[in-house]
PDB file of N, CA and C in Angstrom:
ATOM      1  N   MET A   1      16.960 -41.384 -20.209  1.00  0.00           N
ATOM      2  CA  MET A   1      16.862 -39.974 -20.253  1.00  0.00           C
ATOM      3  C   MET A   1      15.418 -39.707 -19.637  1.00  0.00           C
ATOM      4  N   ASN A   2      14.563 -40.507 -19.564  1.00  0.00           N
ATOM      5  CA  ASN A   2      13.256 -40.098 -18.820  1.00  0.00           C
ATOM      6  C   ASN A   2      13.311 -39.976 -17.295  1.00  0.00           C
ATOM      7  N   VAL A   3      14.481 -40.811 -16.854  1.00  0.00           N
ATOM      8  CA  VAL A   3      14.567 -41.022 -15.424  1.00  0.00           C
ATOM      9  C   VAL A   3      15.625 -39.692 -15.115  1.00  0.00           C
ATOM     10  N   LEU A   4      16.568 -39.282 -15.713  1.00  0.00           N
ATOM     11  CA  LEU A   4      17.157 -38.016 -15.737  1.00  0.00           C
ATOM     12  C   LEU A   4      16.114 -36.693 -15.668  1.00  0.00           C
ATOM     13  N   LEU A   5      15.349 -36.697 -16.767  1.00  0.00           N
ATOM     14  CA  LEU A   5      14.563 -35.455 -16.507  1.00  0.00           C
ATOM     15  C   LEU A   5      13.647 -35.517 -15.667  1.00  0.00           C
ATOM     16  N   THR A   6      13.087 -36.407 -15.079  1.00  0.00           N
ATOM     17  CA  THR A   6      12.374 -36.761 -13.879  1.00  0.00           C
ATOM     18  C   THR A   6      13.126 -36.084 -12.683  1.00  0.00           C
ATOM     19  N   ASN A   7      14.067 -36.671 -12.482  1.00  0.00           N
ATOM     20  CA  ASN A   7      15.259 -36.367 -11.449  1.00  0.00           C
ATOM     21  C   ASN A   7      15.215 -34.947 -11.466  1.00  0.00           C
ATOM     22  N   LEU A   8      15.578 -34.407 -12.836  1.00  0.00           N
ATOM     23  CA  LEU A   8      15.996 -32.664 -12.878  1.00  0.00           C
ATOM     24  C   LEU A   8      14.740 -32.134 -12.442  1.00  0.00           C
ATOM     25  N   LEU A   9      13.445 -32.567 -12.975  1.00  0.00           N
ATOM     26  CA  LEU A   9      12.068 -31.663 -12.347  1.00  0.00           C
ATOM     27  C   LEU A   9      11.922 -31.659 -11.239  1.00  0.00           C
ATOM     28  N   LEU A  10      12.173 -32.923 -10.300  1.00  0.00           N
ATOM     29  CA  LEU A  10      12.217 -32.982  -9.096  1.00  0.00           C
ATOM     30  C   LEU A  10      13.042 -32.115  -8.094  1.00  0.00           C
ATOM     31  N   GLN A  11      14.297 -32.246  -8.639  1.00  0.00           N
ATOM     32  CA  GLN A  11      15.135 -31.405  -8.019  1.00  0.00           C
ATOM     33  C   GLN A  11      14.801 -29.967  -8.206  1.00  0.00           C
ATOM     34  N   ALA A  12      14.263 -29.366  -9.351  1.00  0.00           N
ATOM     35  CA  ALA A  12      13.868 -28.031  -9.575  1.00  0.00           C
ATOM     36  C   ALA A  12      12.786 -27.637  -8.531  1.00  0.00           C
ATOM     37  N   VAL A  13      11.760 -28.520  -8.271  1.00  0.00           N
ATOM     38  CA  VAL A  13      10.604 -28.052  -7.402  1.00  0.00           C
ATOM     39  C   VAL A  13      11.234 -28.158  -5.842  1.00  0.00           C
ATOM     40  N   GLU A  14      12.329 -29.116  -5.481  1.00  0.00           N
ATOM     41  CA  GLU A  14      12.830 -28.848  -4.225  1.00  0.00           C
ATOM     42  C   GLU A  14      13.683 -27.543  -3.985  1.00  0.00           C
ATOM     43  N   ILE A  15      14.456 -27.018  -4.919  1.00  0.00           N
ATOM     44  CA  ILE A  15      14.944 -25.874  -5.219  1.00  0.00           C
ATOM     45  C   ILE A  15      14.118 -24.807  -4.853  1.00  0.00           C
ATOM     46  N   TYR A  16      12.874 -24.710  -5.453  1.00  0.00           N
ATOM     47  CA  TYR A  16      11.942 -23.757  -5.639  1.00  0.00           C
ATOM     48  C   TYR A  16      11.509 -23.690  -4.000  1.00  0.00           C
ATOM     49  N   SER A  17      11.030 -24.993  -3.724  1.00  0.00           N
ATOM     50  CA  SER A  17      10.671 -24.875  -2.393  1.00  0.00           C
ATOM     51  C   SER A  17      11.466 -24.254  -1.459  1.00  0.00           C
ATOM     52  N   TYR A  18      12.776 -24.239  -1.489  1.00  0.00           N
ATOM     53  CA  TYR A  18      13.695 -23.753  -0.614  1.00  0.00           C
ATOM     54  C   TYR A  18      13.401 -22.042  -0.824  1.00  0.00           C
ATOM     55  N   ILE A  19      13.340 -21.697  -2.077  1.00  0.00           N
ATOM     56  CA  ILE A  19      13.292 -20.379  -2.528  1.00  0.00           C
ATOM     57  C   ILE A  19      11.871 -19.597  -1.857  1.00  0.00           C
ATOM     58  N   LEU A  20      10.953 -20.412  -1.978  1.00  0.00           N
ATOM     59  CA  LEU A  20       9.771 -19.994  -1.030  1.00  0.00           C
ATOM     60  C   LEU A  20       9.874 -20.256   0.356  1.00  0.00           C
ATOM     61  N   LEU A  21      10.509 -20.870   0.992  1.00  0.00           N
ATOM     62  CA  LEU A  21      10.752 -20.640   2.507  1.00  0.00           C
ATOM     63  C   LEU A  21      11.675 -19.797   2.604  1.00  0.00           C
ATOM     64  N   ILE A  22      12.884 -19.248   1.929  1.00  0.00           N
ATOM     65  CA  ILE A  22      13.496 -18.001   2.160  1.00  0.00           C
ATOM     66  C   ILE A  22      12.769 -16.841   1.829  1.00  0.00           C
ATOM     67  N   TRP A  23      11.693 -16.899   0.875  1.00  0.00           N
ATOM     68  CA  TRP A  23      10.685 -15.543   0.922  1.00  0.00           C
ATOM     69  C   TRP A  23       9.827 -15.559   1.914  1.00  0.00           C
ATOM     70  N   VAL A  24       9.434 -16.265   2.567  1.00  0.00           N
ATOM     71  CA  VAL A  24       8.419 -16.487   3.578  1.00  0.00           C
ATOM     72  C   VAL A  24       9.221 -16.012   4.926  1.00  0.00           C
ATOM     73  N   ILE A  25      10.205 -16.575   5.082  1.00  0.00           N
ATOM     74  CA  ILE A  25      10.847 -16.235   6.494  1.00  0.00           C
ATOM     75  C   ILE A  25      11.356 -14.814   6.254  1.00  0.00           C
ATOM     76  N   GLY A  26      11.803 -14.515   4.974  1.00  0.00           N
ATOM     77  CA  GLY A  26      12.675 -13.051   4.918  1.00  0.00           C
ATOM     78  C   GLY A  26      11.677 -12.148   5.187  1.00  0.00           C
ATOM     79  N   SER A  27      10.258 -12.375   4.540  1.00  0.00           N
ATOM     80  CA  SER A  27       8.956 -11.468   4.777  1.00  0.00           C
ATOM     81  C   SER A  27       8.696 -10.781   6.198  1.00  0.00           C
ATOM     82  N   TRP A  28       9.331 -11.696   7.319  1.00  0.00           N
ATOM     83  CA  TRP A  28       9.215 -11.237   8.489  1.00  0.00           C
ATOM     84  C   TRP A  28      10.246 -10.466   9.190  1.00  0.00           C
ATOM     85  N   PHE A  29      11.228 -10.109   8.269  1.00  0.00           N
ATOM     86  CA  PHE A  29      12.293  -8.941   8.592  1.00  0.00           C
ATOM     87  C   PHE A  29      12.017  -7.773   7.698  1.00  0.00           C
ATOM     88  N   PRO A  30      11.662  -6.956   8.153  1.00  0.00           N
ATOM     89  CA  PRO A  30      11.307  -5.549   6.937  1.00  0.00           C
ATOM     90  C   PRO A  30      12.756  -5.523   6.456  1.00  0.00           C
ATOM     91  N   ARG A  31      13.798  -5.295   7.192  1.00  0.00           N
ATOM     92  CA  ARG A  31      15.093  -4.794   6.576  1.00  0.00           C
ATOM     93  C   ARG A  31      15.706  -5.760   5.254  1.00  0.00           C
ATOM     94  N   PHE A  32      15.239  -6.835   5.582  1.00  0.00           N
ATOM     95  CA  PHE A  32      15.521  -7.854   4.781  1.00  0.00           C
ATOM     96  C   PHE A  32      14.696  -7.783   3.389  1.00  0.00           C
ATOM     97  N   THR A  33      13.557  -7.333   3.675  1.00  0.00           N
ATOM     98  CA  THR A  33      12.704  -6.953   2.370  1.00  0.00           C
ATOM     99  C   THR A  33      12.947  -5.712   1.538  1.00  0.00           C
ATOM    100  N   ILE A  34      13.799  -5.207   1.750  1.00  0.00           N
ATOM    101  CA  ILE A  34      14.408  -4.318   0.772  1.00  0.00           C
ATOM    102  C   ILE A  34      15.651  -4.533   0.162  1.00  0.00           C
ATOM    103  N   THR A  35      16.241  -5.543   0.279  1.00  0.00           N
ATOM    104  CA  THR A  35      17.615  -5.825  -0.307  1.00  0.00           C
ATOM    105  C   THR A  35      17.223  -6.411  -1.647  1.00  0.00           C
ATOM    106  N   LYS A  36      18.222  -6.131  -2.473  1.00  0.00           N
ATOM    107  CA  LYS A  36      18.342  -6.582  -3.800  1.00  0.00           C
ATOM    108  C   LYS A  36      18.032  -8.281  -3.963  1.00  0.00           C
ATOM    109  N   PHE A  37      18.519  -9.022  -2.868  1.00  0.00           N
ATOM    110  CA  PHE A  37      18.344 -10.290  -3.040  1.00  0.00           C
ATOM    111  C   PHE A  37      16.998 -10.912  -2.744  1.00  0.00           C
ATOM    112  N   TYR A  38      16.127 -10.046  -1.728  1.00  0.00           N
ATOM    113  CA  TYR A  38      15.125 -10.343  -1.619  1.00  0.00           C
ATOM    114  C   TYR A  38      13.823 -10.014  -2.703  1.00  0.00           C
ATOM    115  N   LYS A  39      14.311  -8.757  -3.262  1.00  0.00           N
ATOM    116  CA  LYS A  39      13.377  -8.387  -4.166  1.00  0.00           C
ATOM    117  C   LYS A  39      13.384  -9.575  -5.414  1.00  0.00           C
ATOM    118  N   PHE A  40      14.703  -9.766  -5.702  1.00  0.00           N
ATOM    119  CA  PHE A  40      14.679 -11.025  -6.886  1.00  0.00           C
ATOM    120  C   PHE A  40      14.138 -12.020  -6.463  1.00  0.00           C
ATOM    121  N   ILE A  41      14.206 -12.617  -5.225  1.00  0.00           N
ATOM    122  CA  ILE A  41      13.505 -13.619  -5.134  1.00  0.00           C
ATOM    123  C   ILE A  41      11.775 -13.364  -5.065  1.00  0.00           C
ATOM    124  N   ASP A  42      11.302 -12.242  -4.669  1.00  0.00           N
ATOM    125  CA  ASP A  42      10.058 -11.894  -4.752  1.00  0.00           C
ATOM    126  C   ASP A  42       9.471 -12.063  -6.258  1.00  0.00           C
ATOM    127  N   LYS A  43      10.318 -11.612  -7.323  1.00  0.00           N
ATOM    128  CA  LYS A  43      10.043 -11.641  -8.523  1.00  0.00           C
ATOM    129  C   LYS A  43       9.788 -13.219  -9.133  1.00  0.00           C
ATOM    130  N   ILE A  44      10.518 -14.315  -8.243  1.00  0.00           N
ATOM    131  CA  ILE A  44      10.510 -15.648  -8.810  1.00  0.00           C
ATOM    132  C   ILE A  44       9.110 -16.087  -7.955  1.00  0.00           C
ATOM    133  N   VAL A  45       9.037 -15.921  -6.334  1.00  0.00           N
ATOM    134  CA  VAL A  45       7.951 -16.380  -5.863  1.00  0.00           C
ATOM    135  C   VAL A  45       6.543 -15.782  -5.993  1.00  0.00           C
ATOM    136  N   PHE A  46       6.365 -14.308  -5.966  1.00  0.00           N
ATOM    137  CA  PHE A  46       5.178 -13.745  -5.801  1.00  0.00           C
ATOM    138  C   PHE A  46       4.025 -14.068  -6.965  1.00  0.00           C
ATOM    139  N   PRO A  47       4.592 -14.618  -8.340  1.00  0.00           N
ATOM    140  CA  PRO A  47       3.527 -15.245  -8.980  1.00  0.00           C
ATOM    141  C   PRO A  47       2.921 -16.454  -8.841  1.00  0.00           C
ATOM    142  N   TYR A  48       3.747 -17.369  -8.326  1.00  0.00           N
ATOM    143  CA  TYR A  48       2.990 -18.647  -7.685  1.00  0.00           C
ATOM    144  C   TYR A  48       2.339 -18.380  -6.488  1.00  0.00           C
ATOM    145  N   ALA A  49       2.606 -17.787  -5.497  1.00  0.00           N
ATOM    146  CA  ALA A  49       1.962 -17.535  -4.182  1.00  0.00           C
ATOM    147  C   ALA A  49       0.600 -16.630  -4.492  1.00  0.00           C
ATOM    148  N   GLN A  50       0.684 -15.834  -5.631  1.00  0.00           N
ATOM    149  CA  GLN A  50      -0.599 -15.192  -5.879  1.00  0.00           C
ATOM    150  C   GLN A  50      -1.864 -15.947  -6.224  1.00  0.00           C
ATOM    151  N   ILE A  51      -1.440 -17.071  -6.995  1.00  0.00           N
ATOM    152  CA  ILE A  51      -2.384 -18.178  -7.501  1.00  0.00           C
ATOM    153  C   ILE A  51      -3.279 -18.614  -6.224  1.00  0.00           C
ATOM    154  N   PHE A  52      -2.398 -18.883  -5.128  1.00  0.00           N
ATOM    155  CA  PHE A  52      -3.098 -19.354  -3.858  1.00  0.00           C
ATOM    156  C   PHE A  52      -3.773 -18.517  -2.938  1.00  0.00           C
ATOM    157  N   ARG A  53      -3.218 -17.108  -3.285  1.00  0.00           N
ATOM    158  CA  ARG A  53      -3.779 -15.730  -2.288  1.00  0.00           C
ATOM    159  C   ARG A  53      -5.238 -15.564  -2.903  1.00  0.00           C
ATOM    160  N   SER A  54      -5.437 -16.406  -4.420  1.00  0.00           N
ATOM    161  CA  SER A  54      -6.830 -15.977  -5.076  1.00  0.00           C
ATOM    162  C   SER A  54      -7.886 -16.826  -4.242  1.00  0.00           C
ATOM    163  N   PHE A  55      -7.555 -18.028  -3.933  1.00  0.00           N
ATOM    164  CA  PHE A  55      -8.530 -18.671  -3.149  1.00  0.00           C
ATOM    165  C   PHE A  55      -8.459 -18.725  -1.787  1.00  0.00           C
ATOM    166  N   ILE A  56      -7.391 -18.337  -1.102  1.00  0.00           N
ATOM    167  CA  ILE A  56      -7.162 -18.423   0.155  1.00  0.00           C
ATOM    168  C   ILE A  56      -6.744 -16.906   0.754  1.00  0.00           C
ATOM    169  N   PRO A  57      -7.929 -16.125   0.981  1.00  0.00           N
ATOM    170  CA  PRO A  57      -7.207 -14.463   1.173  1.00  0.00           C
ATOM    171  C   PRO A  57      -6.641 -14.612   2.698  1.00  0.00           C
ATOM    172  N   PRO A  58      -6.107 -13.502   3.090  1.00  0.00           N
ATOM    173  CA  PRO A  58      -5.197 -13.193   4.483  1.00  0.00           C
ATOM    174  C   PRO A  58      -6.386 -13.337   5.351  1.00  0.00           C
ATOM    175  N   PHE A  59      -5.976 -14.043   6.399  1.00  0.00           N
ATOM    176  CA  PHE A  59      -6.829 -13.967   7.705  1.00  0.00           C
ATOM    177  C   PHE A  59      -6.097 -13.543   8.946  1.00  0.00           C
ATOM    178  N   GLY A  60      -6.945 -12.329   9.339  1.00  0.00           N
ATOM    179  CA  GLY A  60      -6.219 -11.868  10.607  1.00  0.00           C
ATOM    180  C   GLY A  60      -4.869 -11.093  10.367  1.00  0.00           C
ATOM    181  N   GLY A  61      -4.193 -10.901   9.194  1.00  0.00           N
ATOM    182  CA  GLY A  61      -2.851 -10.360   9.277  1.00  0.00           C
ATOM    183  C   GLY A  61      -2.144 -11.487   8.967  1.00  0.00           C
ATOM    184  N   PHE A  62      -2.549 -12.897   8.667  1.00  0.00           N
ATOM    185  CA  PHE A  62      -1.448 -13.958   8.444  1.00  0.00           C
ATOM    186  C   PHE A  62      -2.034 -14.417   7.164  1.00  0.00           C
ATOM    187  N   ASP A  63      -1.149 -14.992   6.063  1.00  0.00           N
ATOM    188  CA  ASP A  63      -1.150 -15.434   4.921  1.00  0.00           C
ATOM    189  C   ASP A  63      -0.979 -16.702   4.794  1.00  0.00           C
ATOM    190  N   PHE A  64      -2.349 -17.772   4.763  1.00  0.00           N
ATOM    191  CA  PHE A  64      -2.150 -19.071   4.926  1.00  0.00           C
ATOM    192  C   PHE A  64      -2.025 -19.579   3.517  1.00  0.00           C
ATOM    193  N   SER A  65      -2.101 -18.994   2.622  1.00  0.00           N
ATOM    194  CA  SER A  65      -2.131 -19.458   0.917  1.00  0.00           C
ATOM    195  C   SER A  65      -0.716 -20.154   0.968  1.00  0.00           C
ATOM    196  N   VAL A  66       0.289 -19.281   1.665  1.00  0.00           N
ATOM    197  CA  VAL A  66       1.630 -20.106   1.206  1.00  0.00           C
ATOM    198  C   VAL A  66       1.868 -21.437   2.180  1.00  0.00           C
ATOM    199  N   ILE A  67       0.941 -21.837   3.127  1.00  0.00           N
ATOM    200  CA  ILE A  67       0.818 -23.201   3.568  1.00  0.00           C
ATOM    201  C   ILE A  67       0.055 -24.108   2.016  1.00  0.00           C
ATOM    202  N   ALA A  68      -0.685 -23.701   1.885  1.00  0.00           N
ATOM    203  CA  ALA A  68      -1.067 -24.341   0.468  1.00  0.00           C
ATOM    204  C   ALA A  68       0.043 -24.607  -0.760  1.00  0.00           C
ATOM    205  N   ALA A  69       0.726 -23.668  -1.000  1.00  0.00           N
ATOM    206  CA  ALA A  69       1.591 -23.298  -1.893  1.00  0.00           C
ATOM    207  C   ALA A  69       2.780 -24.531  -1.410  1.00  0.00           C
ATOM    208  N   PHE A  70       3.052 -24.588  -0.313  1.00  0.00           N
ATOM    209  CA  PHE A  70       4.110 -25.474   0.254  1.00  0.00           C
ATOM    210  C   PHE A  70       3.458 -26.946  -0.125  1.00  0.00           C
ATOM    211  N   ILE A  71       2.459 -27.371   0.491  1.00  0.00           N
ATOM    212  CA  ILE A  71       1.638 -28.636  -0.084  1.00  0.00           C
ATOM    213  C   ILE A  71       1.738 -29.077  -1.142  1.00  0.00           C
ATOM    214  N   VAL A  72       1.204 -28.039  -2.164  1.00  0.00           N
ATOM    215  CA  VAL A  72       1.221 -28.454  -3.756  1.00  0.00           C
ATOM    216  C   VAL A  72       2.850 -28.547  -4.180  1.00  0.00           C
ATOM    217  N   LEU A  73       3.611 -28.051  -3.740  1.00  0.00           N
ATOM    218  CA  LEU A  73       5.232 -28.291  -4.281  1.00  0.00           C
ATOM    219  C   LEU A  73       5.473 -29.331  -3.501  1.00  0.00           C
ATOM    220  N   GLN A  74       5.416 -29.746  -2.255  1.00  0.00           N
ATOM    221  CA  GLN A  74       6.233 -30.912  -1.561  1.00  0.00           C
ATOM    222  C   GLN A  74       5.627 -32.246  -1.871  1.00  0.00           C
ATOM    223  N   TYR A  75       4.170 -32.071  -2.096  1.00  0.00           N
ATOM    224  CA  TYR A  75       3.406 -33.383  -2.035  1.00  0.00           C
ATOM    225  C   TYR A  75       2.749 -33.695  -3.419  1.00  0.00           C
ATOM    226  N   ILE A  76       2.154 -32.665  -3.794  1.00  0.00           N
ATOM    227  CA  ILE A  76       1.390 -32.755  -5.227  1.00  0.00           C
ATOM    228  C   ILE A  76       2.092 -32.904  -6.430  1.00  0.00           C
ATOM    229  N   LEU A  77       2.800 -32.000  -6.485  1.00  0.00           N
ATOM    230  CA  LEU A  77       3.635 -31.464  -7.594  1.00  0.00           C
ATOM    231  C   LEU A  77       4.698 -32.963  -7.969  1.00  0.00           C
ATOM    232  N   PRO A  78       5.348 -33.289  -7.048  1.00  0.00           N
ATOM    233  CA  PRO A  78       5.924 -34.430  -7.189  1.00  0.00           C
ATOM    234  C   PRO A  78       5.463 -35.592  -7.855  1.00  0.00           C
ATOM    235  N   GLN A  79       4.189 -35.913  -7.224  1.00  0.00           N
ATOM    236  CA  GLN A  79       3.360 -37.084  -7.904  1.00  0.00           C
ATOM    237  C   GLN A  79       3.098 -36.882  -9.377  1.00  0.00           C
ATOM    238  N   VAL A  80       2.698 -35.654  -9.231  1.00  0.00           N
ATOM    239  CA  VAL A  80       2.239 -35.248 -10.885  1.00  0.00           C
ATOM    240  C   VAL A  80       3.525 -35.376 -11.902  1.00  0.00           C
ATOM    241  N   ILE A  81       4.475 -35.463 -11.297  1.00  0.00           N
ATOM    242  CA  ILE A  81       5.778 -35.195 -12.214  1.00  0.00           C
ATOM    243  C   ILE A  81       6.030 -36.799 -12.605  1.00  0.00           C
ATOM    244  N   ILE A  82       5.905 -37.326 -11.470  1.00  0.00           N
ATOM    245  CA  ILE A  82       6.458 -39.016 -11.453  1.00  0.00           C
ATOM    246  C   ILE A  82       5.327 -39.718 -12.288  1.00  0.00           C
ATOM    247  N   ARG A  83       4.034 -39.398 -11.992  1.00  0.00           N
ATOM    248  CA  ARG A  83       2.907 -40.065 -12.621  1.00  0.00           C
ATOM    249  C   ARG A  83       3.152 -39.751 -14.527  1.00  0.00           C
ATOM    250  N   ILE A  84       3.420 -38.261 -14.750  1.00  0.00           N
ATOM    251  CA  ILE A  84       3.509 -38.054 -16.132  1.00  0.00           C
ATOM    252  C   ILE A  84       4.676 -38.803 -16.843  1.00  0.00           C
ATOM    253  N   SER A  85       5.662 -38.831 -16.133  1.00  0.00           N
ATOM    254  CA  SER A  85       7.014 -39.271 -16.407  1.00  0.00           C
ATOM    255  C   SER A  85       6.897 -41.228 -16.656  1.00  0.00           C
ATOM    256  N   SER A  86       6.123 -41.527 -15.821  1.00  0.00           N
ATOM    257  CA  SER A  86       5.752 -43.033 -15.741  1.00  0.00           C
ATOM    258  C   SER A  86       4.987 -43.273 -17.225  1.00  0.00           C
ATOM    259  N   LEU A  87       4.443 -42.521 -17.896  1.00  0.00           N
ATOM    260  CA  LEU A  87       3.745 -42.635 -18.841  1.00  0.00           C
ATOM    261  C   LEU A  87       4.409 -42.998 -20.554  1.00  0.00           C
ATOM    262  N   PHE A  88       5.803 -42.255 -20.017  1.00  0.00           N
ATOM    263  CA  PHE A  88       6.690 -42.221 -21.325  1.00  0.00           C
ATOM    264  C   PHE A  88       7.626 -43.356 -21.259  1.00  0.00           C
ATOM    265  N   ILE A  89       7.470 -44.223 -19.909  1.00  0.00           N
ATOM    266  CA  ILE A  89       8.325 -45.363 -20.108  1.00  0.00           C
ATOM    267  C   ILE A  89       8.099 -46.421 -21.053  1.00  0.00           C
ATOM    268  N   MET A  90       8.968 -46.873 -21.944  1.00  0.00           N
ATOM    269  CA  MET A  90       8.951 -47.762 -22.751  1.00  0.00           C
ATOM    270  C   MET A  90       9.040 -49.163 -22.347  1.00  0.00           C
ATOM    271  N   PRO A  91       7.940 -50.111 -22.565  1.00  0.00           N
ATOM    272  CA  PRO A  91       8.240 -51.309 -22.000  1.00  0.00           C
ATOM    273  C   PRO A  91       9.330 -52.278 -22.673  1.00  0.00           C
ATOM    274  N   GLY A  92      10.072 -52.736 -21.680  1.00  0.00           N
ATOM    275  CA  GLY A  92      10.923 -53.919 -22.338  1.00  0.00           C
ATOM    276  C   GLY A  92      12.273 -52.838 -22.783  1.00  0.00           C
ATOM    277  N   ALA A  93      12.351 -51.614 -22.159  1.00  0.00           N
ATOM    278  CA  ALA A  93      13.751 -50.855 -22.400  1.00  0.00           C
ATOM    279  C   ALA A  93      14.447 -50.609 -21.326  1.00  0.00           C
TER     280      ALA A  93
END
């Protein structure tokens, strides 16, 4: 059960990473940003991106906070999930 939950959480992180990537690339196309699909993605991703924007403000019209958001999603969060799940592994099970 523990392995199943860990894999499910890791898959959710991967899917969210793809959604974040679509959000970033979509923001480069003004006609795409007015679609319902993009607005739906924006509602999902914007709160997460806002966390990083509070620490890394845009510089020269570029938003580098999204890079930090990707780093956390791709490298830090999976390690946290794996370490926390390893705390619940029962010895001898």
